[in-house]
Amino acid sequence: MFQCPICGELMEILTNYHCSQKHAMTKKQLVEQYGAPKYVSPTMSREVQNWIRESTIITRVDFDIAQAAARSQMRRG
């Protein structure tokens, strides 16, 4: 992600459209006056990383409950 040197907006690439609509100048003028956009590496907090890890992994208990439910359905049928 790149960060606009004037407004700080994050985008995949600094475009003429952004420069003209937000700052009333061309991309070339913006870079000459304010410098090139800064590359920013997005990061996630430890809490978010832990939540993703915990919420997307099927635990042994999840598996056992699903298996028990399937067995009880088979017995009824």
Protein backbone atom coordinates (compact mmCIF):
# COMPACT_ATOMS: atom_id res chain seq x y z
CA MET A 1 0.00 0.00 0.00
CA PHE A 2 1.14 3.51 -0.70
CA GLN A 3 0.31 6.57 1.37
CA CYS A 4 -0.41 9.93 -0.23
CA PRO A 5 2.17 12.46 1.00
CA ILE A 6 -0.48 15.16 1.42
CA CYS A 7 -3.60 13.54 2.88
CA GLY A 8 -2.24 10.19 4.06
CA GLU A 9 -4.85 8.15 2.19
CA LEU A 10 -3.78 4.55 1.60
CA MET A 11 -4.07 3.17 -1.92
CA GLU A 12 -2.55 0.54 -4.17
CA ILE A 13 -0.88 3.23 -6.30
CA LEU A 14 -0.91 7.01 -6.38
CA THR A 15 -2.99 7.95 -9.43
CA ASN A 16 -3.56 11.11 -11.44
CA TYR A 17 -7.25 10.77 -10.58
CA HIS A 18 -6.56 10.94 -6.82
CA CYS A 19 -4.16 13.83 -7.25
CA SER A 20 -6.52 15.87 -9.44
CA GLN A 21 -9.71 15.16 -7.46
CA LYS A 22 -8.30 15.54 -3.93
CA HIS A 23 -5.46 18.01 -4.43
CA ALA A 24 -6.13 19.82 -7.75
CA MET A 25 -2.74 18.95 -9.26
CA THR A 26 -1.22 16.30 -11.46
CA LYS A 27 0.64 13.33 -10.05
CA LYS A 28 3.91 14.76 -11.38
CA GLN A 29 3.29 18.11 -9.65
CA LEU A 30 2.39 16.40 -6.39
CA VAL A 31 5.54 14.24 -6.38
CA GLU A 32 7.74 17.25 -7.27
CA GLN A 33 6.25 19.38 -4.51
CA TYR A 34 5.62 16.86 -1.70
CA GLY A 35 7.78 13.86 -2.58
CA ALA A 36 6.97 10.33 -3.61
CA PRO A 37 4.25 8.36 -1.83
CA LYS A 38 5.51 6.34 1.11
CA TYR A 39 5.22 2.55 1.00
CA VAL A 40 3.32 1.29 4.04
CA SER A 41 3.18 -2.35 5.03
CA PRO A 42 -0.19 -3.06 6.66
CA THR A 43 0.07 -4.81 10.03
CA MET A 44 -2.43 -6.48 12.32
CA SER A 45 -2.50 -6.24 16.07
CA ARG A 46 -1.75 -9.33 18.12
CA GLU A 47 -5.41 -9.43 19.27
CA VAL A 48 -6.65 -9.59 15.67
CA GLN A 49 -4.09 -12.27 14.77
CA ASN A 50 -5.15 -14.37 17.78
CA TRP A 51 -8.84 -13.95 16.94
CA ILE A 52 -8.25 -15.13 13.35
CA ARG A 53 -6.26 -18.12 14.54
CA GLU A 54 -8.86 -19.11 17.15
CA SER A 55 -11.91 -18.57 14.96
CA THR A 56 -10.72 -20.40 11.85
CA ILE A 57 -9.30 -23.57 13.39
CA ILE A 58 -11.59 -26.54 13.98
CA THR A 59 -10.82 -27.92 17.41
CA ARG A 60 -11.10 -31.56 18.52
CA VAL A 61 -14.27 -30.67 20.49
CA ASP A 62 -15.87 -29.18 17.34
CA PHE A 63 -15.07 -32.36 15.44
CA ASP A 64 -16.36 -34.66 18.23
CA ILE A 65 -19.65 -32.75 18.52
CA ALA A 66 -20.22 -32.94 14.76
CA GLN A 67 -19.45 -36.66 14.75
CA ALA A 68 -21.84 -37.31 17.65
CA ALA A 69 -24.59 -35.37 15.88
CA ALA A 70 -24.05 -37.36 12.68
CA ARG A 71 -24.15 -40.68 14.56
CA SER A 72 -27.38 -39.75 16.32
CA GLN A 73 -28.96 -38.80 12.96
CA MET A 74 -27.89 -42.16 11.48
CA ARG A 75 -29.49 -44.07 14.37
CA ARG A 76 -32.81 -42.25 13.93
CA GLY A 77 -32.92 -42.92 10.19
